[in-house]
PDB file of all heavy atoms in Angstrom:
ATOM      1  N   VAL A   1       9.146   3.847   0.982  1.00  0.00           N
ATOM      2  CA  VAL A   1       7.834   3.344   1.352  1.00  0.00           C
ATOM      3  C   VAL A   1       7.118   4.415   2.162  1.00  0.00           C
ATOM      4  O   VAL A   1       7.658   4.940   3.129  1.00  0.00           O
ATOM      5  CB  VAL A   1       7.975   2.046   2.182  1.00  0.00           C
ATOM      6  CG1 VAL A   1       6.613   1.567   2.637  1.00  0.00           C
ATOM      7  CG2 VAL A   1       8.684   0.978   1.385  1.00  0.00           C
ATOM      8  N   LYS A   2       5.904   4.753   1.754  1.00  0.00           N
ATOM      9  CA  LYS A   2       5.090   5.720   2.487  1.00  0.00           C
ATOM     10  C   LYS A   2       3.958   4.968   3.162  1.00  0.00           C
ATOM     11  O   LYS A   2       3.365   4.067   2.571  1.00  0.00           O
ATOM     12  CB  LYS A   2       4.510   6.764   1.538  1.00  0.00           C
ATOM     13  CG  LYS A   2       5.553   7.671   0.952  1.00  0.00           C
ATOM     14  CD  LYS A   2       4.911   8.729   0.093  1.00  0.00           C
ATOM     15  CE  LYS A   2       5.973   9.634  -0.498  1.00  0.00           C
ATOM     16  NZ  LYS A   2       5.422  10.647  -1.369  1.00  0.00           N
ATOM     17  N   CYS A   3       3.653   5.333   4.392  1.00  0.00           N
ATOM     18  CA  CYS A   3       2.542   4.712   5.102  1.00  0.00           C
ATOM     19  C   CYS A   3       1.246   5.393   4.684  1.00  0.00           C
ATOM     20  O   CYS A   3       1.151   6.608   4.677  1.00  0.00           O
ATOM     21  CB  CYS A   3       2.743   4.811   6.606  1.00  0.00           C
ATOM     22  SG  CYS A   3       3.979   3.668   7.219  1.00  0.00           S
ATOM     23  N   LEU A   4       0.251   4.587   4.343  1.00  0.00           N
ATOM     24  CA  LEU A   4      -1.034   5.090   3.885  1.00  0.00           C
ATOM     25  C   LEU A   4      -2.068   4.941   4.986  1.00  0.00           C
ATOM     26  O   LEU A   4      -2.036   3.993   5.758  1.00  0.00           O
ATOM     27  CB  LEU A   4      -1.485   4.298   2.659  1.00  0.00           C
ATOM     28  CG  LEU A   4      -0.500   4.269   1.491  1.00  0.00           C
ATOM     29  CD1 LEU A   4      -1.010   3.329   0.404  1.00  0.00           C
ATOM     30  CD2 LEU A   4      -0.285   5.660   0.938  1.00  0.00           C
ATOM     31  N   VAL A   5      -2.989   5.892   5.055  1.00  0.00           N
ATOM     32  CA  VAL A   5      -4.088   5.842   6.013  1.00  0.00           C
ATOM     33  C   VAL A   5      -5.375   6.141   5.249  1.00  0.00           C
ATOM     34  O   VAL A   5      -5.354   6.836   4.238  1.00  0.00           O
ATOM     35  CB  VAL A   5      -3.873   6.836   7.183  1.00  0.00           C
ATOM     36  CG1 VAL A   5      -3.917   8.265   6.711  1.00  0.00           C
ATOM     37  CG2 VAL A   5      -4.852   6.601   8.306  1.00  0.00           C
ATOM     38  N   GLY A   6      -6.470   5.580   5.726  1.00  0.00           N
ATOM     39  CA  GLY A   6      -7.750   5.774   5.058  1.00  0.00           C
ATOM     40  C   GLY A   6      -8.058   4.583   4.171  1.00  0.00           C
ATOM     41  O   GLY A   6      -7.506   3.503   4.327  1.00  0.00           O
ATOM     42  N   THR A   7      -8.948   4.788   3.208  1.00  0.00           N
ATOM     43  CA  THR A   7      -9.328   3.736   2.275  1.00  0.00           C
ATOM     44  C   THR A   7      -8.597   3.968   0.973  1.00  0.00           C
ATOM     45  O   THR A   7      -8.709   5.035   0.379  1.00  0.00           O
ATOM     46  CB  THR A   7     -10.853   3.745   2.048  1.00  0.00           C
ATOM     47  OG1 THR A   7     -11.487   3.515   3.309  1.00  0.00           O
ATOM     48  CG2 THR A   7     -11.272   2.674   1.067  1.00  0.00           C
ATOM     49  N   VAL A   8      -7.818   2.968   0.546  1.00  0.00           N
ATOM     50  CA  VAL A   8      -7.027   3.103  -0.676  1.00  0.00           C
ATOM     51  C   VAL A   8      -7.238   1.882  -1.564  1.00  0.00           C
ATOM     52  O   VAL A   8      -7.458   0.780  -1.076  1.00  0.00           O
ATOM     53  CB  VAL A   8      -5.523   3.283  -0.376  1.00  0.00           C
ATOM     54  CG1 VAL A   8      -5.258   4.578   0.341  1.00  0.00           C
ATOM     55  CG2 VAL A   8      -4.970   2.125   0.421  1.00  0.00           C
ATOM     56  N   THR A   9      -7.196   2.118  -2.866  1.00  0.00           N
ATOM     57  CA  THR A   9      -7.230   1.046  -3.854  1.00  0.00           C
ATOM     58  C   THR A   9      -5.944   1.167  -4.657  1.00  0.00           C
ATOM     59  O   THR A   9      -5.646   2.230  -5.198  1.00  0.00           O
ATOM     60  CB  THR A   9      -8.459   1.187  -4.778  1.00  0.00           C
ATOM     61  OG1 THR A   9      -9.638   1.094  -3.980  1.00  0.00           O
ATOM     62  CG2 THR A   9      -8.475   0.095  -5.827  1.00  0.00           C
ATOM     63  N   LEU A  10      -5.190   0.073  -4.698  1.00  0.00           N
ATOM     64  CA  LEU A  10      -3.883   0.097  -5.338  1.00  0.00           C
ATOM     65  C   LEU A  10      -3.791  -0.972  -6.425  1.00  0.00           C
ATOM     66  O   LEU A  10      -3.950  -2.154  -6.142  1.00  0.00           O
ATOM     67  CB  LEU A  10      -2.787  -0.144  -4.293  1.00  0.00           C
ATOM     68  CG  LEU A  10      -2.769   0.842  -3.134  1.00  0.00           C
ATOM     69  CD1 LEU A  10      -1.910   0.318  -1.998  1.00  0.00           C
ATOM     70  CD2 LEU A  10      -2.249   2.177  -3.619  1.00  0.00           C
ATOM     71  N   PRO A  11      -3.529  -0.553  -7.676  1.00  0.00           N
ATOM     72  CA  PRO A  11      -3.355  -1.535  -8.751  1.00  0.00           C
ATOM     73  C   PRO A  11      -1.914  -2.065  -8.758  1.00  0.00           C
ATOM     74  O   PRO A  11      -0.968  -1.325  -8.484  1.00  0.00           O
ATOM     75  CB  PRO A  11      -3.652  -0.727 -10.010  1.00  0.00           C
ATOM     76  CG  PRO A  11      -3.262   0.674  -9.646  1.00  0.00           C
ATOM     77  CD  PRO A  11      -3.528   0.824  -8.168  1.00  0.00           C
ATOM     78  N   TYR A  12      -1.764  -3.341  -9.058  1.00  0.00           N
ATOM     79  CA  TYR A  12      -0.445  -3.961  -9.180  1.00  0.00           C
ATOM     80  C   TYR A  12      -0.388  -4.760 -10.465  1.00  0.00           C
ATOM     81  O   TYR A  12      -1.348  -5.434 -10.836  1.00  0.00           O
ATOM     82  CB  TYR A  12      -0.155  -4.889  -7.996  1.00  0.00           C
ATOM     83  CG  TYR A  12       0.137  -4.123  -6.727  1.00  0.00           C
ATOM     84  CD1 TYR A  12      -0.868  -3.864  -5.812  1.00  0.00           C
ATOM     85  CD2 TYR A  12       1.416  -3.641  -6.465  1.00  0.00           C
ATOM     86  CE1 TYR A  12      -0.611  -3.145  -4.656  1.00  0.00           C
ATOM     87  CE2 TYR A  12       1.682  -2.919  -5.316  1.00  0.00           C
ATOM     88  CZ  TYR A  12       0.662  -2.675  -4.414  1.00  0.00           C
ATOM     89  OH  TYR A  12       0.921  -1.965  -3.280  1.00  0.00           O
ATOM     90  N   ASP A  13       0.748  -4.697 -11.123  1.00  0.00           N
ATOM     91  CA  ASP A  13       0.990  -5.437 -12.357  1.00  0.00           C
ATOM     92  C   ASP A  13       1.617  -6.782 -11.994  1.00  0.00           C
ATOM     93  O   ASP A  13       2.710  -6.823 -11.432  1.00  0.00           O
ATOM     94  CB  ASP A  13       1.928  -4.628 -13.257  1.00  0.00           C
ATOM     95  CG  ASP A  13       2.209  -5.297 -14.579  1.00  0.00           C
ATOM     96  OD1 ASP A  13       1.747  -6.445 -14.802  1.00  0.00           O
ATOM     97  OD2 ASP A  13       2.893  -4.676 -15.402  1.00  0.00           O
ATOM     98  N   GLY A  14       0.931  -7.858 -12.303  1.00  0.00           N
ATOM     99  CA  GLY A  14       1.435  -9.184 -11.978  1.00  0.00           C
ATOM    100  C   GLY A  14       2.723  -9.542 -12.704  1.00  0.00           C
ATOM    101  O   GLY A  14       3.413 -10.483 -12.313  1.00  0.00           O
ATOM    102  N   ALA A  15       3.067  -8.802 -13.762  1.00  0.00           N
ATOM    103  CA  ALA A  15       4.318  -9.062 -14.469  1.00  0.00           C
ATOM    104  C   ALA A  15       5.529  -8.621 -13.646  1.00  0.00           C
ATOM    105  O   ALA A  15       6.648  -9.032 -13.905  1.00  0.00           O
ATOM    106  CB  ALA A  15       4.319  -8.359 -15.819  1.00  0.00           C
ATOM    107  N   ASP A  16       5.313  -7.780 -12.629  1.00  0.00           N
ATOM    108  CA  ASP A  16       6.381  -7.348 -11.723  1.00  0.00           C
ATOM    109  C   ASP A  16       6.275  -8.208 -10.461  1.00  0.00           C
ATOM    110  O   ASP A  16       5.439  -7.955  -9.605  1.00  0.00           O
ATOM    111  CB  ASP A  16       6.216  -5.872 -11.369  1.00  0.00           C
ATOM    112  CG  ASP A  16       7.256  -5.378 -10.377  1.00  0.00           C
ATOM    113  OD1 ASP A  16       8.172  -6.145 -10.009  1.00  0.00           O
ATOM    114  OD2 ASP A  16       7.146  -4.212  -9.959  1.00  0.00           O
ATOM    115  N   PRO A  17       7.138  -9.234 -10.304  1.00  0.00           N
ATOM    116  CA  PRO A  17       7.000 -10.169  -9.193  1.00  0.00           C
ATOM    117  C   PRO A  17       7.414  -9.601  -7.841  1.00  0.00           C
ATOM    118  O   PRO A  17       7.166 -10.211  -6.815  1.00  0.00           O
ATOM    119  CB  PRO A  17       7.907 -11.329  -9.590  1.00  0.00           C
ATOM    120  CG  PRO A  17       8.953 -10.699 -10.444  1.00  0.00           C
ATOM    121  CD  PRO A  17       8.251  -9.589 -11.179  1.00  0.00           C
ATOM    122  N   ASN A  18       8.028  -8.427  -7.809  1.00  0.00           N
ATOM    123  CA  ASN A  18       8.543  -7.888  -6.556  1.00  0.00           C
ATOM    124  C   ASN A  18       8.240  -6.391  -6.452  1.00  0.00           C
ATOM    125  O   ASN A  18       9.143  -5.563  -6.511  1.00  0.00           O
ATOM    126  CB  ASN A  18      10.051  -8.154  -6.476  1.00  0.00           C
ATOM    127  CG  ASN A  18      10.589  -7.925  -5.095  1.00  0.00           C
ATOM    128  OD1 ASN A  18       9.852  -7.913  -4.130  1.00  0.00           O
ATOM    129  ND2 ASN A  18      11.885  -7.730  -5.009  1.00  0.00           N
ATOM    130  N   PRO A  19       6.960  -6.021  -6.280  1.00  0.00           N
ATOM    131  CA  PRO A  19       6.617  -4.594  -6.209  1.00  0.00           C
ATOM    132  C   PRO A  19       7.131  -3.940  -4.924  1.00  0.00           C
ATOM    133  O   PRO A  19       7.470  -4.632  -3.960  1.00  0.00           O
ATOM    134  CB  PRO A  19       5.092  -4.595  -6.248  1.00  0.00           C
ATOM    135  CG  PRO A  19       4.702  -5.941  -5.764  1.00  0.00           C
ATOM    136  CD  PRO A  19       5.810  -6.882  -6.135  1.00  0.00           C
ATOM    137  N   THR A  20       7.171  -2.609  -4.926  1.00  0.00           N
ATOM    138  CA  THR A  20       7.594  -1.843  -3.755  1.00  0.00           C
ATOM    139  C   THR A  20       6.715  -2.193  -2.559  1.00  0.00           C
ATOM    140  O   THR A  20       5.508  -2.352  -2.691  1.00  0.00           O
ATOM    141  CB  THR A  20       7.483  -0.337  -4.043  1.00  0.00           C
ATOM    142  OG1 THR A  20       8.305  -0.031  -5.161  1.00  0.00           O
ATOM    143  CG2 THR A  20       7.921   0.490  -2.855  1.00  0.00           C
ATOM    144  N   GLU A  21       7.326  -2.308  -1.396  1.00  0.00           N
ATOM    145  CA  GLU A  21       6.592  -2.638  -0.175  1.00  0.00           C
ATOM    146  C   GLU A  21       5.480  -1.625   0.091  1.00  0.00           C
ATOM    147  O   GLU A  21       5.547  -0.484  -0.345  1.00  0.00           O
ATOM    148  CB  GLU A  21       7.533  -2.663   1.026  1.00  0.00           C
ATOM    149  CG  GLU A  21       8.514  -3.794   0.979  1.00  0.00           C
ATOM    150  CD  GLU A  21       9.431  -3.816   2.196  1.00  0.00           C
ATOM    151  OE1 GLU A  21       9.334  -2.920   3.052  1.00  0.00           O
ATOM    152  OE2 GLU A  21      10.235  -4.744   2.279  1.00  0.00           O
ATOM    153  N   LEU A  22       4.487  -2.066   0.837  1.00  0.00           N
ATOM    154  CA  LEU A  22       3.346  -1.240   1.202  1.00  0.00           C
ATOM    155  C   LEU A  22       3.328  -1.092   2.717  1.00  0.00           C
ATOM    156  O   LEU A  22       3.642  -2.036   3.443  1.00  0.00           O
ATOM    157  CB  LEU A  22       2.056  -1.919   0.727  1.00  0.00           C
ATOM    158  CG  LEU A  22       0.724  -1.312   1.151  1.00  0.00           C
ATOM    159  CD1 LEU A  22       0.566   0.102   0.582  1.00  0.00           C
ATOM    160  CD2 LEU A  22      -0.418  -2.198   0.683  1.00  0.00           C
ATOM    161  N   CYS A  23       2.968   0.096   3.198  1.00  0.00           N
ATOM    162  CA  CYS A  23       2.837   0.338   4.630  1.00  0.00           C
ATOM    163  C   CYS A  23       1.458   0.923   4.891  1.00  0.00           C
ATOM    164  O   CYS A  23       1.039   1.864   4.217  1.00  0.00           O
ATOM    165  CB  CYS A  23       3.917   1.301   5.111  1.00  0.00           C
ATOM    166  SG  CYS A  23       3.770   1.739   6.856  1.00  0.00           S
ATOM    167  N   LEU A  24       0.751   0.343   5.852  1.00  0.00           N
ATOM    168  CA  LEU A  24      -0.561   0.838   6.260  1.00  0.00           C
ATOM    169  C   LEU A  24      -0.439   1.386   7.668  1.00  0.00           C
ATOM    170  O   LEU A  24       0.189   0.775   8.523  1.00  0.00           O
ATOM    171  CB  LEU A  24      -1.594  -0.280   6.212  1.00  0.00           C
ATOM    172  CG  LEU A  24      -1.771  -0.944   4.842  1.00  0.00           C
ATOM    173  CD1 LEU A  24      -2.722  -2.120   4.952  1.00  0.00           C
ATOM    174  CD2 LEU A  24      -2.256   0.060   3.813  1.00  0.00           C
ATOM    175  N   LEU A  25      -1.046   2.520   7.899  1.00  0.00           N
ATOM    176  CA  LEU A  25      -0.927   3.207   9.180  1.00  0.00           C
ATOM    177  C   LEU A  25      -2.225   3.081   9.967  1.00  0.00           C
ATOM    178  O   LEU A  25      -3.307   3.333   9.442  1.00  0.00           O
ATOM    179  CB  LEU A  25      -0.601   4.677   8.934  1.00  0.00           C
ATOM    180  CG  LEU A  25      -0.289   5.559  10.126  1.00  0.00           C
ATOM    181  CD1 LEU A  25       0.927   5.044  10.876  1.00  0.00           C
ATOM    182  CD2 LEU A  25      -0.052   6.985   9.663  1.00  0.00           C
ATOM    183  N   ILE A  26      -2.109   2.664  11.223  1.00  0.00           N
ATOM    184  CA  ILE A  26      -3.259   2.601  12.122  1.00  0.00           C
ATOM    185  C   ILE A  26      -3.254   3.872  12.966  1.00  0.00           C
ATOM    186  O   ILE A  26      -2.270   4.173  13.631  1.00  0.00           O
ATOM    187  CB  ILE A  26      -3.171   1.383  13.063  1.00  0.00           C
ATOM    188  CG1 ILE A  26      -3.158   0.089  12.281  1.00  0.00           C
ATOM    189  CG2 ILE A  26      -4.325   1.390  14.043  1.00  0.00           C
ATOM    190  CD1 ILE A  26      -2.924  -1.129  13.159  1.00  0.00           C
ATOM    191  N   ARG A  27      -4.355   4.611  12.913  1.00  0.00           N
ATOM    192  CA  ARG A  27      -4.511   5.812  13.754  1.00  0.00           C
ATOM    193  C   ARG A  27      -5.893   5.780  14.374  1.00  0.00           C
ATOM    194  O   ARG A  27      -6.872   5.434  13.699  1.00  0.00           O
ATOM    195  CB  ARG A  27      -4.386   7.085  12.923  1.00  0.00           C
ATOM    196  CG  ARG A  27      -2.985   7.451  12.570  1.00  0.00           C
ATOM    197  CD  ARG A  27      -2.960   8.874  12.052  1.00  0.00           C
ATOM    198  NE  ARG A  27      -1.634   9.221  11.627  1.00  0.00           N
ATOM    199  CZ  ARG A  27      -1.367  10.156  10.748  1.00  0.00           C
ATOM    200  NH1 ARG A  27      -2.349  10.835  10.197  1.00  0.00           N
ATOM    201  NH2 ARG A  27      -0.142  10.432  10.421  1.00  0.00           N
ATOM    202  N   ASP A  28      -5.990   6.172  15.635  1.00  0.00           N
ATOM    203  CA  ASP A  28      -7.287   6.215  16.299  1.00  0.00           C
ATOM    204  C   ASP A  28      -8.239   7.123  15.526  1.00  0.00           C
ATOM    205  O   ASP A  28      -7.886   8.252  15.170  1.00  0.00           O
ATOM    206  CB  ASP A  28      -7.151   6.733  17.738  1.00  0.00           C
ATOM    207  CG  ASP A  28      -6.455   5.740  18.644  1.00  0.00           C
ATOM    208  OD1 ASP A  28      -6.423   4.540  18.289  1.00  0.00           O
ATOM    209  OD2 ASP A  28      -5.954   6.147  19.698  1.00  0.00           O
ATOM    210  N   GLY A  29      -9.428   6.624  15.274  1.00  0.00           N
ATOM    211  CA  GLY A  29     -10.433   7.422  14.599  1.00  0.00           C
ATOM    212  C   GLY A  29     -10.310   7.451  13.089  1.00  0.00           C
ATOM    213  O   GLY A  29     -11.126   8.047  12.413  1.00  0.00           O
TER     214      GLY A  29
END
């Protein structure tokens, strides 16, 4: 799992009921 920062758009396939976890990073500014 990689932590993402900024604005991201992520597509997910509903046929996969258990996708890889997502991590969002909070950084000042």
